[in-house]
PDB file of N, CA and C in Angstrom:
ATOM      1  N   MET A   1      31.926  -4.887 -24.528  1.00  0.00           N
ATOM      2  CA  MET A   1      30.554  -5.324 -24.462  1.00  0.00           C
ATOM      3  C   MET A   1      29.991  -4.952 -23.075  1.00  0.00           C
ATOM      4  N   PRO A   2      28.850  -4.215 -23.038  1.00  0.00           N
ATOM      5  CA  PRO A   2      28.288  -3.829 -21.738  1.00  0.00           C
ATOM      6  C   PRO A   2      27.726  -5.035 -20.985  1.00  0.00           C
ATOM      7  N   LYS A   3      27.888  -4.977 -19.671  1.00  0.00           N
ATOM      8  CA  LYS A   3      27.364  -6.054 -18.837  1.00  0.00           C
ATOM      9  C   LYS A   3      25.853  -5.885 -18.679  1.00  0.00           C
ATOM     10  N   GLU A   4      25.153  -7.015 -18.696  1.00  0.00           N
ATOM     11  CA  GLU A   4      23.714  -6.976 -18.481  1.00  0.00           C
ATOM     12  C   GLU A   4      23.432  -6.881 -16.989  1.00  0.00           C
ATOM     13  N   LYS A   5      22.434  -6.090 -16.636  1.00  0.00           N
ATOM     14  CA  LYS A   5      22.037  -5.980 -15.235  1.00  0.00           C
ATOM     15  C   LYS A   5      21.291  -7.253 -14.837  1.00  0.00           C
ATOM     16  N   PRO A   6      21.594  -7.778 -13.649  1.00  0.00           N
ATOM     17  CA  PRO A   6      20.843  -8.956 -13.210  1.00  0.00           C
ATOM     18  C   PRO A   6      19.390  -8.565 -12.936  1.00  0.00           C
ATOM     19  N   GLU A   7      18.474  -9.473 -13.246  1.00  0.00           N
ATOM     20  CA  GLU A   7      17.066  -9.184 -13.017  1.00  0.00           C
ATOM     21  C   GLU A   7      16.779  -9.184 -11.526  1.00  0.00           C
ATOM     22  N   VAL A   8      16.012  -8.205 -11.104  1.00  0.00           N
ATOM     23  CA  VAL A   8      15.643  -8.078  -9.705  1.00  0.00           C
ATOM     24  C   VAL A   8      14.338  -8.838  -9.488  1.00  0.00           C
ATOM     25  N   GLU A   9      14.305  -9.657  -8.432  1.00  0.00           N
ATOM     26  CA  GLU A   9      13.072 -10.372  -8.119  1.00  0.00           C
ATOM     27  C   GLU A   9      12.039  -9.371  -7.627  1.00  0.00           C
ATOM     28  N   THR A  10      10.814  -9.516  -8.099  1.00  0.00           N
ATOM     29  CA  THR A  10       9.760  -8.583  -7.714  1.00  0.00           C
ATOM     30  C   THR A  10       8.513  -9.339  -7.254  1.00  0.00           C
ATOM     31  N   PHE A  11       7.627  -8.616  -6.633  1.00  0.00           N
ATOM     32  CA  PHE A  11       6.309  -9.134  -6.271  1.00  0.00           C
ATOM     33  C   PHE A  11       5.312  -7.997  -6.437  1.00  0.00           C
ATOM     34  N   GLN A  12       4.034  -8.337  -6.414  1.00  0.00           N
ATOM     35  CA  GLN A  12       3.010  -7.316  -6.600  1.00  0.00           C
ATOM     36  C   GLN A  12       2.148  -7.183  -5.359  1.00  0.00           C
ATOM     37  N   VAL A  13       1.666  -5.961  -5.141  1.00  0.00           N
ATOM     38  CA  VAL A  13       0.707  -5.699  -4.076  1.00  0.00           C
ATOM     39  C   VAL A  13      -0.475  -4.937  -4.659  1.00  0.00           C
ATOM     40  N   ASP A  14      -1.657  -5.243  -4.154  1.00  0.00           N
ATOM     41  CA  ASP A  14      -2.855  -4.482  -4.487  1.00  0.00           C
ATOM     42  C   ASP A  14      -3.058  -3.443  -3.391  1.00  0.00           C
ATOM     43  N   VAL A  15      -3.341  -2.206  -3.793  1.00  0.00           N
ATOM     44  CA  VAL A  15      -3.577  -1.119  -2.853  1.00  0.00           C
ATOM     45  C   VAL A  15      -5.005  -0.634  -3.061  1.00  0.00           C
ATOM     46  N   GLU A  16      -5.781  -0.575  -1.984  1.00  0.00           N
ATOM     47  CA  GLU A  16      -7.145  -0.067  -2.019  1.00  0.00           C
ATOM     48  C   GLU A  16      -7.268   1.057  -0.999  1.00  0.00           C
ATOM     49  N   PHE A  17      -7.874   2.149  -1.395  1.00  0.00           N
ATOM     50  CA  PHE A  17      -8.109   3.291  -0.512  1.00  0.00           C
ATOM     51  C   PHE A  17      -9.595   3.606  -0.574  1.00  0.00           C
ATOM     52  N   THR A  18     -10.270   3.562   0.559  1.00  0.00           N
ATOM     53  CA  THR A  18     -11.717   3.748   0.581  1.00  0.00           C
ATOM     54  C   THR A  18     -12.153   4.472   1.850  1.00  0.00           C
ATOM     55  N   ASP A  19     -13.433   4.812   1.899  1.00  0.00           N
ATOM     56  CA  ASP A  19     -14.005   5.475   3.063  1.00  0.00           C
ATOM     57  C   ASP A  19     -14.402   4.434   4.106  1.00  0.00           C
ATOM     58  N   THR A  20     -14.701   4.914   5.309  1.00  0.00           N
ATOM     59  CA  THR A  20     -15.169   4.029   6.365  1.00  0.00           C
ATOM     60  C   THR A  20     -16.501   4.526   6.897  1.00  0.00           C
ATOM     61  N   PHE A  21     -17.241   3.612   7.504  1.00  0.00           N
ATOM     62  CA  PHE A  21     -18.481   3.951   8.191  1.00  0.00           C
ATOM     63  C   PHE A  21     -18.499   3.126   9.463  1.00  0.00           C
ATOM     64  N   GLY A  22     -18.513   3.782  10.596  1.00  0.00           N
ATOM     65  CA  GLY A  22     -18.462   3.066  11.867  1.00  0.00           C
ATOM     66  C   GLY A  22     -17.149   2.350  12.082  1.00  0.00           C
ATOM     67  N   GLY A  23     -16.081   2.828  11.445  1.00  0.00           N
ATOM     68  CA  GLY A  23     -14.761   2.229  11.594  1.00  0.00           C
ATOM     69  C   GLY A  23     -14.471   1.092  10.629  1.00  0.00           C
ATOM     70  N   ASN A  24     -15.465   0.664   9.867  1.00  0.00           N
ATOM     71  CA  ASN A  24     -15.289  -0.430   8.903  1.00  0.00           C
ATOM     72  C   ASN A  24     -15.243   0.115   7.483  1.00  0.00           C
ATOM     73  N   ALA A  25     -14.524  -0.579   6.603  1.00  0.00           N
ATOM     74  CA  ALA A  25     -14.453  -0.167   5.203  1.00  0.00           C
ATOM     75  C   ALA A  25     -15.855  -0.149   4.616  1.00  0.00           C
ATOM     76  N   ASN A  26     -16.199   0.944   3.935  1.00  0.00           N
ATOM     77  CA  ASN A  26     -17.556   1.136   3.424  1.00  0.00           C
ATOM     78  C   ASN A  26     -17.659   0.922   1.919  1.00  0.00           C
ATOM     79  N   TYR A  27     -16.643   1.261   1.162  1.00  0.00           N
ATOM     80  CA  TYR A  27     -16.577   1.090  -0.292  1.00  0.00           C
ATOM     81  C   TYR A  27     -17.675   1.850  -1.048  1.00  0.00           C
ATOM     82  N   SER A  28     -18.136   2.994  -0.501  1.00  0.00           N
ATOM     83  CA  SER A  28     -19.040   3.816  -1.307  1.00  0.00           C
ATOM     84  C   SER A  28     -18.247   4.490  -2.421  1.00  0.00           C
ATOM     85  N   TRP A  29     -16.954   4.638  -2.231  1.00  0.00           N
ATOM     86  CA  TRP A  29     -16.009   5.008  -3.278  1.00  0.00           C
ATOM     87  C   TRP A  29     -14.708   4.271  -2.970  1.00  0.00           C
ATOM     88  N   VAL A  30     -13.932   3.991  -3.983  1.00  0.00           N
ATOM     89  CA  VAL A  30     -12.674   3.265  -3.783  1.00  0.00           C
ATOM     90  C   VAL A  30     -11.702   3.613  -4.904  1.00  0.00           C
ATOM     91  N   ARG A  31     -10.415   3.704  -4.552  1.00  0.00           N
ATOM     92  CA  ARG A  31      -9.337   3.859  -5.536  1.00  0.00           C
ATOM     93  C   ARG A  31      -8.452   2.627  -5.413  1.00  0.00           C
ATOM     94  N   ARG A  32      -8.078   2.048  -6.557  1.00  0.00           N
ATOM     95  CA  ARG A  32      -7.259   0.838  -6.550  1.00  0.00           C
ATOM     96  C   ARG A  32      -6.041   1.004  -7.448  1.00  0.00           C
ATOM     97  N   GLU A  33      -4.932   0.404  -7.040  1.00  0.00           N
ATOM     98  CA  GLU A  33      -3.691   0.361  -7.818  1.00  0.00           C
ATOM     99  C   GLU A  33      -3.031  -0.988  -7.567  1.00  0.00           C
ATOM    100  N   THR A  34      -2.250  -1.443  -8.530  1.00  0.00           N
ATOM    101  CA  THR A  34      -1.378  -2.605  -8.346  1.00  0.00           C
ATOM    102  C   THR A  34       0.046  -2.128  -8.544  1.00  0.00           C
ATOM    103  N   LEU A  35       0.890  -2.372  -7.536  1.00  0.00           N
ATOM    104  CA  LEU A  35       2.280  -1.938  -7.585  1.00  0.00           C
ATOM    105  C   LEU A  35       3.197  -3.147  -7.705  1.00  0.00           C
ATOM    106  N   THR A  36       4.255  -3.015  -8.478  1.00  0.00           N
ATOM    107  CA  THR A  36       5.298  -4.035  -8.587  1.00  0.00           C
ATOM    108  C   THR A  36       6.513  -3.517  -7.837  1.00  0.00           C
ATOM    109  N   LEU A  37       6.961  -4.290  -6.846  1.00  0.00           N
ATOM    110  CA  LEU A  37       8.022  -3.861  -5.943  1.00  0.00           C
ATOM    111  C   LEU A  37       9.118  -4.911  -5.859  1.00  0.00           C
ATOM    112  N   PRO A  38      10.356  -4.509  -5.533  1.00  0.00           N
ATOM    113  CA  PRO A  38      11.427  -5.500  -5.350  1.00  0.00           C
ATOM    114  C   PRO A  38      11.196  -6.317  -4.077  1.00  0.00           C
ATOM    115  N   VAL A  39      11.633  -7.571  -4.090  1.00  0.00           N
ATOM    116  CA  VAL A  39      11.411  -8.482  -2.968  1.00  0.00           C
ATOM    117  C   VAL A  39      12.072  -7.983  -1.684  1.00  0.00           C
ATOM    118  N   ASP A  40      13.218  -7.339  -1.777  1.00  0.00           N
ATOM    119  CA  ASP A  40      13.958  -6.928  -0.584  1.00  0.00           C
ATOM    120  C   ASP A  40      13.540  -5.549  -0.051  1.00  0.00           C
ATOM    121  N   ILE A  41      12.363  -5.050  -0.409  1.00  0.00           N
ATOM    122  CA  ILE A  41      11.905  -3.736   0.034  1.00  0.00           C
ATOM    123  C   ILE A  41      11.503  -3.797   1.511  1.00  0.00           C
ATOM    124  N   SER A  42      11.777  -2.723   2.242  1.00  0.00           N
ATOM    125  CA  SER A  42      11.389  -2.656   3.644  1.00  0.00           C
ATOM    126  C   SER A  42       9.904  -2.293   3.749  1.00  0.00           C
ATOM    127  N   ASP A  43       9.308  -2.606   4.891  1.00  0.00           N
ATOM    128  CA  ASP A  43       7.898  -2.260   5.112  1.00  0.00           C
ATOM    129  C   ASP A  43       7.685  -0.755   5.037  1.00  0.00           C
ATOM    130  N   ARG A  44       8.640  -0.011   5.546  1.00  0.00           N
ATOM    131  CA  ARG A  44       8.536   1.452   5.531  1.00  0.00           C
ATOM    132  C   ARG A  44       8.511   1.993   4.104  1.00  0.00           C
ATOM    133  N   GLU A  45       9.398   1.489   3.245  1.00  0.00           N
ATOM    134  CA  GLU A  45       9.432   1.936   1.851  1.00  0.00           C
ATOM    135  C   GLU A  45       8.191   1.464   1.098  1.00  0.00           C
ATOM    136  N   LEU A  46       7.717   0.257   1.407  1.00  0.00           N
ATOM    137  CA  LEU A  46       6.494  -0.243   0.787  1.00  0.00           C
ATOM    138  C   LEU A  46       5.328   0.701   1.093  1.00  0.00           C
ATOM    139  N   MET A  47       5.194   1.100   2.351  1.00  0.00           N
ATOM    140  CA  MET A  47       4.109   2.013   2.729  1.00  0.00           C
ATOM    141  C   MET A  47       4.300   3.384   2.090  1.00  0.00           C
ATOM    142  N   ARG A  48       5.525   3.838   1.981  1.00  0.00           N
ATOM    143  CA  ARG A  48       5.798   5.133   1.343  1.00  0.00           C
ATOM    144  C   ARG A  48       5.319   5.122  -0.110  1.00  0.00           C
ATOM    145  N   ARG A  49       5.605   4.036  -0.828  1.00  0.00           N
ATOM    146  CA  ARG A  49       5.190   3.942  -2.233  1.00  0.00           C
ATOM    147  C   ARG A  49       3.680   3.763  -2.366  1.00  0.00           C
ATOM    148  N   ALA A  50       3.080   2.973  -1.478  1.00  0.00           N
ATOM    149  CA  ALA A  50       1.628   2.773  -1.530  1.00  0.00           C
ATOM    150  C   ALA A  50       0.899   4.081  -1.233  1.00  0.00           C
ATOM    151  N   LYS A  51       1.363   4.828  -0.227  1.00  0.00           N
ATOM    152  CA  LYS A  51       0.735   6.112   0.095  1.00  0.00           C
ATOM    153  C   LYS A  51       0.893   7.094  -1.056  1.00  0.00           C
ATOM    154  N   ALA A  52       2.043   7.088  -1.706  1.00  0.00           N
ATOM    155  CA  ALA A  52       2.260   7.989  -2.846  1.00  0.00           C
ATOM    156  C   ALA A  52       1.311   7.636  -3.985  1.00  0.00           C
ATOM    157  N   ALA A  53       1.065   6.352  -4.214  1.00  0.00           N
ATOM    158  CA  ALA A  53       0.165   5.927  -5.287  1.00  0.00           C
ATOM    159  C   ALA A  53      -1.270   6.390  -5.035  1.00  0.00           C
ATOM    160  N   MET A  54      -1.639   6.553  -3.769  1.00  0.00           N
ATOM    161  CA  MET A  54      -3.001   6.976  -3.416  1.00  0.00           C
ATOM    162  C   MET A  54      -3.095   8.476  -3.130  1.00  0.00           C
ATOM    163  N   GLY A  55      -1.988   9.199  -3.305  1.00  0.00           N
ATOM    164  CA  GLY A  55      -2.009  10.642  -3.052  1.00  0.00           C
ATOM    165  C   GLY A  55      -1.964  10.998  -1.585  1.00  0.00           C
ATOM    166  N   LEU A  56      -1.382  10.129  -0.762  1.00  0.00           N
ATOM    167  CA  LEU A  56      -1.337  10.346   0.682  1.00  0.00           C
ATOM    168  C   LEU A  56       0.063  10.658   1.187  1.00  0.00           C
ATOM    169  N   THR A  57       0.928  11.156   0.334  1.00  0.00           N
ATOM    170  CA  THR A  57       2.288  11.478   0.754  1.00  0.00           C
ATOM    171  C   THR A  57       2.248  12.515   1.871  1.00  0.00           C
ATOM    172  N   GLY A  58       2.938  12.249   2.956  1.00  0.00           N
ATOM    173  CA  GLY A  58       2.994  13.179   4.081  1.00  0.00           C
ATOM    174  C   GLY A  58       1.845  13.046   5.060  1.00  0.00           C
ATOM    175  N   VAL A  59       0.876  12.187   4.777  1.00  0.00           N
ATOM    176  CA  VAL A  59      -0.264  11.996   5.672  1.00  0.00           C
ATOM    177  C   VAL A  59       0.141  11.003   6.760  1.00  0.00           C
ATOM    178  N   ARG A  60      -0.116  11.372   8.007  1.00  0.00           N
ATOM    179  CA  ARG A  60       0.231  10.496   9.126  1.00  0.00           C
ATOM    180  C   ARG A  60      -0.980   9.693   9.565  1.00  0.00           C
ATOM    181  N   GLY A  61      -0.719   8.538  10.177  1.00  0.00           N
ATOM    182  CA  GLY A  61      -1.800   7.686  10.647  1.00  0.00           C
ATOM    183  C   GLY A  61      -1.249   6.451  11.331  1.00  0.00           C
ATOM    184  N   THR A  62      -2.111   5.479  11.571  1.00  0.00           N
ATOM    185  CA  THR A  62      -1.688   4.241  12.215  1.00  0.00           C
ATOM    186  C   THR A  62      -1.552   3.142  11.169  1.00  0.00           C
ATOM    187  N   VAL A  63      -0.561   2.286  11.375  1.00  0.00           N
ATOM    188  CA  VAL A  63      -0.300   1.166  10.473  1.00  0.00           C
ATOM    189  C   VAL A  63      -0.413  -0.112  11.280  1.00  0.00           C
ATOM    190  N   CYS A  64      -1.130  -1.090  10.747  1.00  0.00           N
ATOM    191  CA  CYS A  64      -1.248  -2.392  11.384  1.00  0.00           C
ATOM    192  C   CYS A  64      -0.867  -3.456  10.357  1.00  0.00           C
ATOM    193  N   ASN A  65       0.187  -4.223  10.649  1.00  0.00           N
ATOM    194  CA  ASN A  65       0.687  -5.243   9.737  1.00  0.00           C
ATOM    195  C   ASN A  65       0.122  -6.593  10.142  1.00  0.00           C
ATOM    196  N   HIS A  66      -0.634  -7.223   9.248  1.00  0.00           N
ATOM    197  CA  HIS A  66      -1.256  -8.521   9.498  1.00  0.00           C
ATOM    198  C   HIS A  66      -0.530  -9.647   8.754  1.00  0.00           C
ATOM    199  N   GLY A  67       0.707  -9.430   8.362  1.00  0.00           N
ATOM    200  CA  GLY A  67       1.462 -10.446   7.621  1.00  0.00           C
ATOM    201  C   GLY A  67       1.420 -10.172   6.134  1.00  0.00           C
ATOM    202  N   ASP A  68       0.410 -10.702   5.440  1.00  0.00           N
ATOM    203  CA  ASP A  68       0.318 -10.465   3.997  1.00  0.00           C
ATOM    204  C   ASP A  68      -0.629  -9.318   3.659  1.00  0.00           C
ATOM    205  N   MET A  69      -1.148  -8.618   4.690  1.00  0.00           N
ATOM    206  CA  MET A  69      -1.967  -7.432   4.477  1.00  0.00           C
ATOM    207  C   MET A  69      -1.599  -6.372   5.510  1.00  0.00           C
ATOM    208  N   ILE A  70      -1.502  -5.142   5.049  1.00  0.00           N
ATOM    209  CA  ILE A  70      -1.217  -4.009   5.931  1.00  0.00           C
ATOM    210  C   ILE A  70      -2.359  -3.026   5.769  1.00  0.00           C
ATOM    211  N   ASP A  71      -2.872  -2.506   6.903  1.00  0.00           N
ATOM    212  CA  ASP A  71      -3.865  -1.443   6.768  1.00  0.00           C
ATOM    213  C   ASP A  71      -3.312  -0.156   7.369  1.00  0.00           C
ATOM    214  N   PHE A  72      -3.666   0.944   6.721  1.00  0.00           N
ATOM    215  CA  PHE A  72      -3.240   2.282   7.129  1.00  0.00           C
ATOM    216  C   PHE A  72      -4.486   3.125   7.329  1.00  0.00           C
ATOM    217  N   ARG A  73      -4.610   3.702   8.520  1.00  0.00           N
ATOM    218  CA  ARG A  73      -5.759   4.557   8.837  1.00  0.00           C
ATOM    219  C   ARG A  73      -5.253   5.961   9.146  1.00  0.00           C
ATOM    220  N   PRO A  74      -5.476   6.891   8.218  1.00  0.00           N
ATOM    221  CA  PRO A  74      -5.020   8.271   8.438  1.00  0.00           C
ATOM    222  C   PRO A  74      -5.720   8.891   9.649  1.00  0.00           C
ATOM    223  N   PHE A  75      -4.968   9.721  10.400  1.00  0.00           N
ATOM    224  CA  PHE A  75      -5.546  10.440  11.533  1.00  0.00           C
ATOM    225  C   PHE A  75      -6.606  11.421  11.035  1.00  0.00           C
ATOM    226  N   ARG A  76      -7.668  11.600  11.817  1.00  0.00           N
ATOM    227  CA  ARG A  76      -8.727  12.583  11.556  1.00  0.00           C
ATOM    228  C   ARG A  76      -9.337  12.452  10.165  1.00  0.00           C
ATOM    229  N   SER A  77      -9.507  11.239   9.697  1.00  0.00           N
ATOM    230  CA  SER A  77     -10.085  10.992   8.377  1.00  0.00           C
ATOM    231  C   SER A  77     -10.856   9.681   8.428  1.00  0.00           C
ATOM    232  N   CYS A  78     -12.016   9.656   7.896  1.00  0.00           N
ATOM    233  CA  CYS A  78     -12.830   8.429   7.879  1.00  0.00           C
ATOM    234  C   CYS A  78     -12.489   7.612   6.642  1.00  0.00           C
ATOM    235  N   THR A  79     -11.209   7.239   6.539  1.00  0.00           N
ATOM    236  CA  THR A  79     -10.732   6.466   5.396  1.00  0.00           C
ATOM    237  C   THR A  79      -9.784   5.369   5.875  1.00  0.00           C
ATOM    238  N   VAL A  80      -9.541   4.403   4.998  1.00  0.00           N
ATOM    239  CA  VAL A  80      -8.598   3.326   5.283  1.00  0.00           C
ATOM    240  C   VAL A  80      -7.942   2.910   3.967  1.00  0.00           C
ATOM    241  N   MET A  81      -6.670   2.500   4.055  1.00  0.00           N
ATOM    242  CA  MET A  81      -5.948   1.994   2.897  1.00  0.00           C
ATOM    243  C   MET A  81      -5.457   0.588   3.227  1.00  0.00           C
ATOM    244  N   PHE A  82      -5.734  -0.358   2.326  1.00  0.00           N
ATOM    245  CA  PHE A  82      -5.284  -1.736   2.482  1.00  0.00           C
ATOM    246  C   PHE A  82      -4.203  -2.032   1.449  1.00  0.00           C
ATOM    247  N   VAL A  83      -3.110  -2.655   1.890  1.00  0.00           N
ATOM    248  CA  VAL A  83      -2.033  -3.098   1.002  1.00  0.00           C
ATOM    249  C   VAL A  83      -1.952  -4.611   1.149  1.00  0.00           C
ATOM    250  N   THR A  84      -2.291  -5.345   0.075  1.00  0.00           N
ATOM    251  CA  THR A  84      -2.397  -6.796   0.141  1.00  0.00           C
ATOM    252  C   THR A  84      -1.448  -7.428  -0.874  1.00  0.00           C
ATOM    253  N   THR A  85      -0.691  -8.427  -0.436  1.00  0.00           N
ATOM    254  CA  THR A  85       0.223  -9.149  -1.325  1.00  0.00           C
ATOM    255  C   THR A  85      -0.571  -9.991  -2.317  1.00  0.00           C
ATOM    256  N   VAL A  86      -0.154  -9.949  -3.585  1.00  0.00           N
ATOM    257  CA  VAL A  86      -0.785 -10.758  -4.631  1.00  0.00           C
ATOM    258  C   VAL A  86      -0.006 -12.058  -4.750  1.00  0.00           C
ATOM    259  N   TYR A  87      -0.679 -13.182  -4.635  1.00  0.00           N
ATOM    260  CA  TYR A  87      -0.027 -14.499  -4.747  1.00  0.00           C
ATOM    261  C   TYR A  87      -0.313 -15.127  -6.077  1.00  0.00           C
TER     262      TYR A  87
END
């Protein structure tokens, strides 16, 4: 009899990618995704998956972690990506 895999605890994050105006999120256009991730995921892997969901793989920028929200601002681009934990 095959062994059942133990269920992995997960959580969800909302990812928003939008333009900026004057350094602030403008929302004249926006792309949104909800990702389900394992609880033990590192911040680096979380950002890797969020960037991949928005088509930003390989794009460099600054990351600021505010606890339950992370923002990513790509270099030389008037855009911002927010990753927010869903409670």
